[in-house]
Amino acid sequence: IDAPAVDAPRKQIKRPAFLEKKPRRKAEPKKPEAPVEPVEEDFASQCRDQLIQLYERYNPDKVKDVDDLLHKYAGREPLLISAVEAKYSGAQGVPLFKDEALVRAGAELVEREAEAREAELMAARERAEAAEAACLEDGVDLEEAVAAV
């Protein structure tokens, strides 16, 4: 079949969105990293040096225990140094524990309560002894007096 070629306009078909070409993003140039300043000494080693100086000055036998102390009080080095300074210089230092004042107050309260209980027991004993003496003077049988109470 020989058909003549027809120059008819072609129908435009819309392309699906996922097939559309997206403009490529250009890679962002890498930012140069900030130069790292060398740290002369870290905080822990400064605290260690300070403790060693204190102990060399006041109690040289304790120098060997510095590393154990720093491990035990890790994160509280300034408080440790303050406590050691206060101990050897005689000055009032920062408490080694955050709630040291509360612990002391609690211990004093417990001590006062124990003293009050002891005083109460002594008073009760004295009253019992006085009642027993009164019963004996009056000739009352102790078992009858106790049963009556």
N, C-alpha and C. Protein backbone atom coordinates (compact mmCIF):
# COMPACT_ATOMS: atom_id res chain seq x y z
N ILE A 1 0.85 -1.14 0.00
CA ILE A 1 0.00 0.00 0.00
C ILE A 1 0.90 1.21 0.00
N ASP A 2 0.69 1.91 -0.94
CA ASP A 2 1.43 3.16 -1.06
C ASP A 2 0.51 4.30 -0.65
N ALA A 3 0.82 4.86 0.51
CA ALA A 3 0.03 5.99 0.99
C ALA A 3 0.93 7.21 0.97
N PRO A 4 0.34 8.32 0.57
CA PRO A 4 1.17 9.53 0.55
C PRO A 4 1.48 9.98 1.99
N ALA A 5 2.64 10.51 2.20
CA ALA A 5 3.03 11.02 3.52
C ALA A 5 2.24 12.25 3.84
N VAL A 6 1.72 12.30 5.01
CA VAL A 6 0.89 13.43 5.44
C VAL A 6 1.72 14.25 6.42
N ASP A 7 1.77 15.51 6.19
CA ASP A 7 2.46 16.39 7.11
C ASP A 7 1.47 16.96 8.13
N ALA A 8 0.92 16.11 8.94
CA ALA A 8 -0.03 16.56 9.96
C ALA A 8 0.75 16.88 11.23
N PRO A 9 0.30 17.86 11.99
CA PRO A 9 1.02 18.20 13.23
C PRO A 9 0.91 17.04 14.24
N ARG A 10 1.98 16.81 14.92
CA ARG A 10 2.00 15.73 15.91
C ARG A 10 1.42 16.21 17.23
N LYS A 11 0.71 15.37 17.89
CA LYS A 11 0.10 15.70 19.15
C LYS A 11 1.18 15.63 20.24
N GLN A 12 1.25 16.69 21.05
CA GLN A 12 2.24 16.73 22.14
C GLN A 12 1.74 15.90 23.31
N ILE A 13 2.57 15.02 23.76
CA ILE A 13 2.24 14.20 24.93
C ILE A 13 3.06 14.74 26.10
N LYS A 14 2.36 15.00 27.21
CA LYS A 14 3.04 15.54 28.38
C LYS A 14 3.84 14.42 29.04
N ARG A 15 5.08 14.74 29.35
CA ARG A 15 5.95 13.76 30.01
C ARG A 15 5.61 13.67 31.49
N PRO A 16 5.68 12.51 32.07
CA PRO A 16 5.44 12.38 33.52
C PRO A 16 6.51 13.17 34.29
N ALA A 17 6.13 13.64 35.47
CA ALA A 17 7.02 14.50 36.26
C ALA A 17 8.32 13.78 36.63
N PHE A 18 8.24 12.50 36.89
CA PHE A 18 9.47 11.82 37.31
C PHE A 18 10.46 11.67 36.17
N LEU A 19 10.01 11.87 34.95
CA LEU A 19 10.94 11.80 33.83
C LEU A 19 11.53 13.15 33.46
N GLU A 20 10.98 14.20 34.03
CA GLU A 20 11.49 15.54 33.73
C GLU A 20 12.94 15.63 34.20
N LYS A 21 13.72 16.33 33.44
CA LYS A 21 15.12 16.52 33.81
C LYS A 21 15.20 17.63 34.85
N LYS A 22 15.90 17.33 35.93
CA LYS A 22 16.07 18.32 36.99
C LYS A 22 17.47 18.90 36.83
N PRO A 23 17.57 20.17 37.12
CA PRO A 23 18.91 20.76 37.03
C PRO A 23 19.81 20.16 38.10
N ARG A 24 21.01 19.88 37.72
CA ARG A 24 21.96 19.30 38.65
C ARG A 24 22.48 20.36 39.60
N ARG A 25 22.62 19.94 40.85
CA ARG A 25 23.19 20.86 41.83
C ARG A 25 24.70 20.78 41.72
N LYS A 26 25.26 21.93 41.79
CA LYS A 26 26.72 21.95 41.75
C LYS A 26 27.23 21.62 43.14
N ALA A 27 28.27 20.87 43.18
CA ALA A 27 28.85 20.50 44.47
C ALA A 27 29.38 21.74 45.15
N GLU A 28 29.05 21.87 46.43
CA GLU A 28 29.53 23.03 47.18
C GLU A 28 31.01 22.86 47.44
N PRO A 29 31.74 23.91 47.31
CA PRO A 29 33.17 23.78 47.58
C PRO A 29 33.39 23.51 49.07
N LYS A 30 34.34 22.66 49.36
CA LYS A 30 34.62 22.32 50.75
C LYS A 30 35.22 23.52 51.46
N LYS A 31 34.69 23.73 52.67
CA LYS A 31 35.20 24.84 53.47
C LYS A 31 36.47 24.37 54.15
N PRO A 32 37.45 25.23 54.19
CA PRO A 32 38.68 24.82 54.87
C PRO A 32 38.41 24.69 56.37
N GLU A 33 38.96 23.67 56.98
CA GLU A 33 38.77 23.44 58.41
C GLU A 33 39.53 24.50 59.19
N ALA A 34 38.93 24.87 60.31
CA ALA A 34 39.59 25.86 61.16
C ALA A 34 40.84 25.23 61.76
N PRO A 35 41.90 25.99 61.79
CA PRO A 35 43.12 25.41 62.36
C PRO A 35 42.93 25.16 63.86
N VAL A 36 43.38 24.02 64.29
CA VAL A 36 43.26 23.65 65.68
C VAL A 36 44.47 24.19 66.43
N GLU A 37 44.15 24.99 67.46
CA GLU A 37 45.25 25.54 68.24
C GLU A 37 45.73 24.48 69.22
N PRO A 38 46.98 24.26 69.30
CA PRO A 38 47.47 23.24 70.23
C PRO A 38 47.23 23.68 71.67
N VAL A 39 46.70 22.76 72.45
CA VAL A 39 46.46 23.04 73.86
C VAL A 39 47.75 22.71 74.60
N GLU A 40 48.22 23.69 75.35
CA GLU A 40 49.49 23.47 76.03
C GLU A 40 49.39 22.32 77.03
N GLU A 41 48.36 22.39 77.88
CA GLU A 41 48.17 21.35 78.88
C GLU A 41 46.69 21.19 79.13
N ASP A 42 46.22 19.99 79.27
CA ASP A 42 44.80 19.82 79.55
C ASP A 42 44.54 20.08 81.03
N PHE A 43 43.27 20.24 81.36
CA PHE A 43 42.85 20.64 82.70
C PHE A 43 43.27 19.63 83.76
N ALA A 44 43.11 18.34 83.46
CA ALA A 44 43.44 17.29 84.44
C ALA A 44 44.92 17.33 84.80
N SER A 45 45.78 17.54 83.81
CA SER A 45 47.21 17.56 84.12
C SER A 45 47.58 18.82 84.90
N GLN A 46 46.86 19.92 84.66
CA GLN A 46 47.11 21.13 85.45
C GLN A 46 46.73 20.89 86.91
N CYS A 47 45.59 20.24 87.12
CA CYS A 47 45.16 19.92 88.49
C CYS A 47 46.14 18.97 89.15
N ARG A 48 46.61 18.01 88.38
CA ARG A 48 47.58 17.04 88.92
C ARG A 48 48.84 17.75 89.37
N ASP A 49 49.35 18.66 88.52
CA ASP A 49 50.55 19.41 88.87
C ASP A 49 50.34 20.26 90.11
N GLN A 50 49.16 20.86 90.20
CA GLN A 50 48.86 21.71 91.35
C GLN A 50 48.80 20.88 92.64
N LEU A 51 48.17 19.70 92.57
CA LEU A 51 48.11 18.82 93.75
C LEU A 51 49.49 18.34 94.15
N ILE A 52 50.30 18.00 93.17
CA ILE A 52 51.66 17.54 93.47
C ILE A 52 52.44 18.65 94.17
N GLN A 53 52.30 19.88 93.69
CA GLN A 53 52.98 21.01 94.33
C GLN A 53 52.52 21.18 95.78
N LEU A 54 51.21 21.08 96.00
CA LEU A 54 50.68 21.21 97.36
C LEU A 54 51.23 20.13 98.27
N TYR A 55 51.18 18.88 97.79
CA TYR A 55 51.64 17.78 98.63
C TYR A 55 53.15 17.81 98.83
N GLU A 56 53.91 18.22 97.82
CA GLU A 56 55.36 18.34 98.01
C GLU A 56 55.68 19.37 99.08
N ARG A 57 54.85 20.39 99.13
CA ARG A 57 55.07 21.48 100.09
C ARG A 57 54.65 21.08 101.51
N TYR A 58 53.47 20.43 101.64
CA TYR A 58 52.92 20.19 102.96
C TYR A 58 53.05 18.75 103.46
N ASN A 59 52.94 17.77 102.56
CA ASN A 59 52.95 16.38 102.99
C ASN A 59 53.53 15.51 101.88
N PRO A 60 54.84 15.44 101.76
CA PRO A 60 55.47 14.71 100.65
C PRO A 60 55.10 13.24 100.57
N ASP A 61 54.68 12.63 101.68
CA ASP A 61 54.30 11.22 101.65
C ASP A 61 53.06 10.97 100.80
N LYS A 62 52.23 11.99 100.61
CA LYS A 62 50.97 11.84 99.88
C LYS A 62 51.13 12.01 98.36
N VAL A 63 52.31 12.39 97.90
CA VAL A 63 52.49 12.63 96.46
C VAL A 63 52.15 11.39 95.65
N LYS A 64 52.46 10.23 96.21
CA LYS A 64 52.19 8.97 95.48
C LYS A 64 50.71 8.70 95.32
N ASP A 65 49.85 9.35 96.13
CA ASP A 65 48.40 9.12 96.09
C ASP A 65 47.65 10.09 95.18
N VAL A 66 48.35 10.99 94.53
CA VAL A 66 47.69 12.03 93.73
C VAL A 66 46.84 11.44 92.61
N ASP A 67 47.36 10.45 91.90
CA ASP A 67 46.60 9.87 90.78
C ASP A 67 45.33 9.18 91.27
N ASP A 68 45.41 8.49 92.40
CA ASP A 68 44.22 7.84 92.96
C ASP A 68 43.18 8.88 93.37
N LEU A 69 43.63 9.97 93.97
CA LEU A 69 42.70 11.04 94.37
C LEU A 69 42.03 11.66 93.15
N LEU A 70 42.80 11.91 92.11
CA LEU A 70 42.21 12.51 90.90
C LEU A 70 41.20 11.57 90.27
N HIS A 71 41.47 10.29 90.32
CA HIS A 71 40.51 9.32 89.77
C HIS A 71 39.24 9.30 90.61
N LYS A 72 39.42 9.32 91.93
CA LYS A 72 38.28 9.27 92.85
C LYS A 72 37.40 10.52 92.73
N TYR A 73 38.02 11.67 92.54
CA TYR A 73 37.27 12.94 92.48
C TYR A 73 37.23 13.51 91.06
N ALA A 74 37.14 12.63 90.07
CA ALA A 74 37.09 13.07 88.67
C ALA A 74 35.86 13.95 88.46
N GLY A 75 36.08 15.11 87.83
CA GLY A 75 34.99 16.05 87.60
C GLY A 75 34.84 17.05 88.73
N ARG A 76 35.51 16.78 89.86
CA ARG A 76 35.44 17.70 91.01
C ARG A 76 36.84 18.11 91.43
N GLU A 77 37.75 18.21 90.47
CA GLU A 77 39.13 18.53 90.77
C GLU A 77 39.30 19.86 91.50
N PRO A 78 38.59 20.93 91.07
CA PRO A 78 38.76 22.20 91.78
C PRO A 78 38.36 22.10 93.26
N LEU A 79 37.32 21.33 93.55
CA LEU A 79 36.91 21.14 94.94
C LEU A 79 37.98 20.37 95.72
N LEU A 80 38.57 19.38 95.08
CA LEU A 80 39.63 18.60 95.72
C LEU A 80 40.81 19.50 96.06
N ILE A 81 41.21 20.32 95.10
CA ILE A 81 42.35 21.21 95.33
C ILE A 81 42.03 22.19 96.45
N SER A 82 40.82 22.73 96.43
CA SER A 82 40.41 23.66 97.48
C SER A 82 40.44 23.00 98.85
N ALA A 83 39.96 21.77 98.93
CA ALA A 83 39.94 21.05 100.21
C ALA A 83 41.36 20.77 100.70
N VAL A 84 42.25 20.38 99.81
CA VAL A 84 43.64 20.10 100.21
C VAL A 84 44.31 21.39 100.67
N GLU A 85 44.08 22.48 99.92
CA GLU A 85 44.65 23.77 100.33
C GLU A 85 44.13 24.18 101.70
N ALA A 86 42.83 24.01 101.90
CA ALA A 86 42.23 24.39 103.19
C ALA A 86 42.79 23.55 104.33
N LYS A 87 42.99 22.28 104.06
CA LYS A 87 43.48 21.38 105.11
C LYS A 87 44.87 21.79 105.58
N TYR A 88 45.75 22.10 104.64
CA TYR A 88 47.12 22.37 105.00
C TYR A 88 47.40 23.85 105.29
N SER A 89 46.59 24.74 104.76
CA SER A 89 46.85 26.16 105.01
C SER A 89 46.07 26.67 106.21
N GLY A 90 45.07 25.91 106.67
CA GLY A 90 44.28 26.33 107.80
C GLY A 90 43.14 27.26 107.42
N ALA A 91 43.00 27.58 106.14
CA ALA A 91 41.92 28.46 105.68
C ALA A 91 40.65 27.65 105.49
N GLN A 92 39.53 28.35 105.48
CA GLN A 92 38.25 27.68 105.24
C GLN A 92 38.11 27.45 103.74
N GLY A 93 38.00 26.21 103.32
CA GLY A 93 37.91 25.89 101.90
C GLY A 93 36.49 25.56 101.49
N VAL A 94 36.33 25.32 100.22
CA VAL A 94 35.04 24.90 99.67
C VAL A 94 34.82 23.46 100.10
N PRO A 95 33.62 23.09 100.54
CA PRO A 95 33.39 21.70 100.95
C PRO A 95 33.68 20.74 99.80
N LEU A 96 34.25 19.60 100.14
CA LEU A 96 34.61 18.62 99.12
C LEU A 96 33.38 18.02 98.48
N PHE A 97 32.30 17.89 99.22
CA PHE A 97 31.07 17.34 98.69
C PHE A 97 30.06 18.47 98.56
N LYS A 98 29.23 18.44 97.53
CA LYS A 98 28.27 19.50 97.28
C LYS A 98 27.33 19.69 98.47
N ASP A 99 26.88 18.61 99.06
CA ASP A 99 25.88 18.68 100.12
C ASP A 99 26.50 18.41 101.49
N GLU A 100 27.75 18.78 101.65
CA GLU A 100 28.42 18.49 102.91
C GLU A 100 27.72 19.19 104.07
N ALA A 101 27.26 20.41 103.87
CA ALA A 101 26.56 21.12 104.94
C ALA A 101 25.28 20.38 105.33
N LEU A 102 24.56 19.85 104.33
CA LEU A 102 23.35 19.10 104.63
C LEU A 102 23.66 17.81 105.37
N VAL A 103 24.75 17.16 105.00
CA VAL A 103 25.14 15.93 105.68
C VAL A 103 25.48 16.21 107.13
N ARG A 104 26.21 17.30 107.35
CA ARG A 104 26.55 17.67 108.74
C ARG A 104 25.29 17.99 109.54
N ALA A 105 24.38 18.77 108.94
CA ALA A 105 23.14 19.12 109.64
C ALA A 105 22.33 17.87 109.97
N GLY A 106 22.27 16.94 109.02
CA GLY A 106 21.55 15.69 109.24
C GLY A 106 22.18 14.87 110.37
N ALA A 107 23.51 14.81 110.40
CA ALA A 107 24.20 14.06 111.44
C ALA A 107 23.93 14.70 112.81
N GLU A 108 23.95 16.03 112.86
CA GLU A 108 23.66 16.72 114.13
C GLU A 108 22.23 16.45 114.58
N LEU A 109 21.29 16.45 113.63
CA LEU A 109 19.90 16.18 113.97
C LEU A 109 19.73 14.76 114.52
N VAL A 110 20.35 13.79 113.89
CA VAL A 110 20.27 12.41 114.35
C VAL A 110 20.86 12.30 115.76
N GLU A 111 21.96 13.00 115.98
CA GLU A 111 22.60 12.97 117.29
C GLU A 111 21.69 13.58 118.36
N ARG A 112 21.06 14.72 118.05
CA ARG A 112 20.14 15.36 119.00
C ARG A 112 18.94 14.46 119.29
N GLU A 113 18.41 13.80 118.25
CA GLU A 113 17.27 12.90 118.45
C GLU A 113 17.66 11.72 119.34
N ALA A 114 18.85 11.18 119.17
CA ALA A 114 19.32 10.07 119.99
C ALA A 114 19.46 10.53 121.45
N GLU A 115 20.00 11.73 121.64
CA GLU A 115 20.12 12.26 123.00
C GLU A 115 18.74 12.46 123.64
N ALA A 116 17.77 12.96 122.85
CA ALA A 116 16.42 13.17 123.37
C ALA A 116 15.78 11.83 123.75
N ARG A 117 15.97 10.80 122.92
CA ARG A 117 15.42 9.47 123.25
C ARG A 117 16.05 8.92 124.53
N GLU A 118 17.35 9.11 124.65
CA GLU A 118 18.06 8.63 125.85
C GLU A 118 17.55 9.36 127.09
N ALA A 119 17.34 10.67 126.98
CA ALA A 119 16.82 11.45 128.12
C ALA A 119 15.40 10.99 128.47
N GLU A 120 14.60 10.70 127.45
CA GLU A 120 13.23 10.23 127.69
C GLU A 120 13.24 8.87 128.40
N LEU A 121 14.12 7.98 127.99
CA LEU A 121 14.25 6.67 128.65
C LEU A 121 14.67 6.82 130.11
N MET A 122 15.62 7.71 130.34
CA MET A 122 16.08 7.93 131.71
C MET A 122 14.94 8.46 132.58
N ALA A 123 14.16 9.41 132.04
CA ALA A 123 13.03 9.97 132.79
C ALA A 123 11.99 8.89 133.08
N ALA A 124 11.73 8.02 132.12
CA ALA A 124 10.76 6.94 132.32
C ALA A 124 11.26 5.96 133.39
N ARG A 125 12.55 5.65 133.36
CA ARG A 125 13.12 4.76 134.38
C ARG A 125 12.97 5.37 135.78
N GLU A 126 13.28 6.68 135.85
CA GLU A 126 13.18 7.36 137.15
C GLU A 126 11.73 7.35 137.65
N ARG A 127 10.77 7.59 136.76
CA ARG A 127 9.36 7.55 137.16
C ARG A 127 8.96 6.15 137.64
N ALA A 128 9.43 5.14 136.93
CA ALA A 128 9.11 3.75 137.30
C ALA A 128 9.71 3.41 138.66
N GLU A 129 10.97 3.85 138.86
CA GLU A 129 11.61 3.57 140.15
C GLU A 129 10.89 4.31 141.28
N ALA A 130 10.45 5.55 141.01
CA ALA A 130 9.73 6.32 142.03
C ALA A 130 8.38 5.65 142.34
N ALA A 131 7.70 5.17 141.32
CA ALA A 131 6.41 4.50 141.53
C ALA A 131 6.61 3.20 142.31
N GLU A 132 7.68 2.48 141.99
CA GLU A 132 7.97 1.23 142.71
C GLU A 132 8.25 1.52 144.18
N ALA A 133 9.03 2.58 144.41
CA ALA A 133 9.35 2.94 145.81
C ALA A 133 8.08 3.34 146.56
N ALA A 134 7.19 4.08 145.89
CA ALA A 134 5.93 4.49 146.54
C ALA A 134 5.07 3.27 146.85
N CYS A 135 5.05 2.32 145.95
CA CYS A 135 4.26 1.10 146.19
C CYS A 135 4.82 0.33 147.38
N LEU A 136 6.14 0.24 147.46
CA LEU A 136 6.75 -0.49 148.56
C LEU A 136 6.48 0.21 149.89
N GLU A 137 6.50 1.56 149.89
CA GLU A 137 6.23 2.31 151.12
C GLU A 137 4.79 2.12 151.58
N ASP A 138 3.88 2.10 150.61
CA ASP A 138 2.46 1.97 150.94
C ASP A 138 2.06 0.52 151.18
N GLY A 139 2.95 -0.41 150.87
CA GLY A 139 2.65 -1.81 151.08
C GLY A 139 1.76 -2.39 149.99
N VAL A 140 1.74 -1.78 148.84
CA VAL A 140 0.93 -2.27 147.72
C VAL A 140 1.73 -3.29 146.94
N ASP A 141 1.04 -4.36 146.54
CA ASP A 141 1.68 -5.40 145.75
C ASP A 141 1.98 -4.84 144.36
N LEU A 142 3.22 -4.97 143.89
CA LEU A 142 3.64 -4.41 142.58
C LEU A 142 2.85 -5.01 141.44
N GLU A 143 2.59 -6.29 141.48
CA GLU A 143 1.85 -6.95 140.40
C GLU A 143 0.43 -6.40 140.30
N GLU A 144 -0.21 -6.13 141.44
CA GLU A 144 -1.56 -5.56 141.43
C GLU A 144 -1.53 -4.15 140.89
N ALA A 145 -0.47 -3.37 141.25
CA ALA A 145 -0.36 -1.98 140.78
C ALA A 145 -0.16 -1.95 139.27
N VAL A 146 0.66 -2.87 138.76
CA VAL A 146 0.92 -2.92 137.32
C VAL A 146 -0.33 -3.36 136.59
N ALA A 147 -1.06 -4.30 137.14
CA ALA A 147 -2.30 -4.78 136.51
C ALA A 147 -3.35 -3.68 136.49
N ALA A 148 -3.33 -2.81 137.49
CA ALA A 148 -4.31 -1.72 137.57
C ALA A 148 -4.02 -0.65 136.53
N VAL A 149 -2.78 -0.51 136.14
CA VAL A 149 -2.40 0.52 135.14
C VAL A 149 -2.77 0.00 133.81
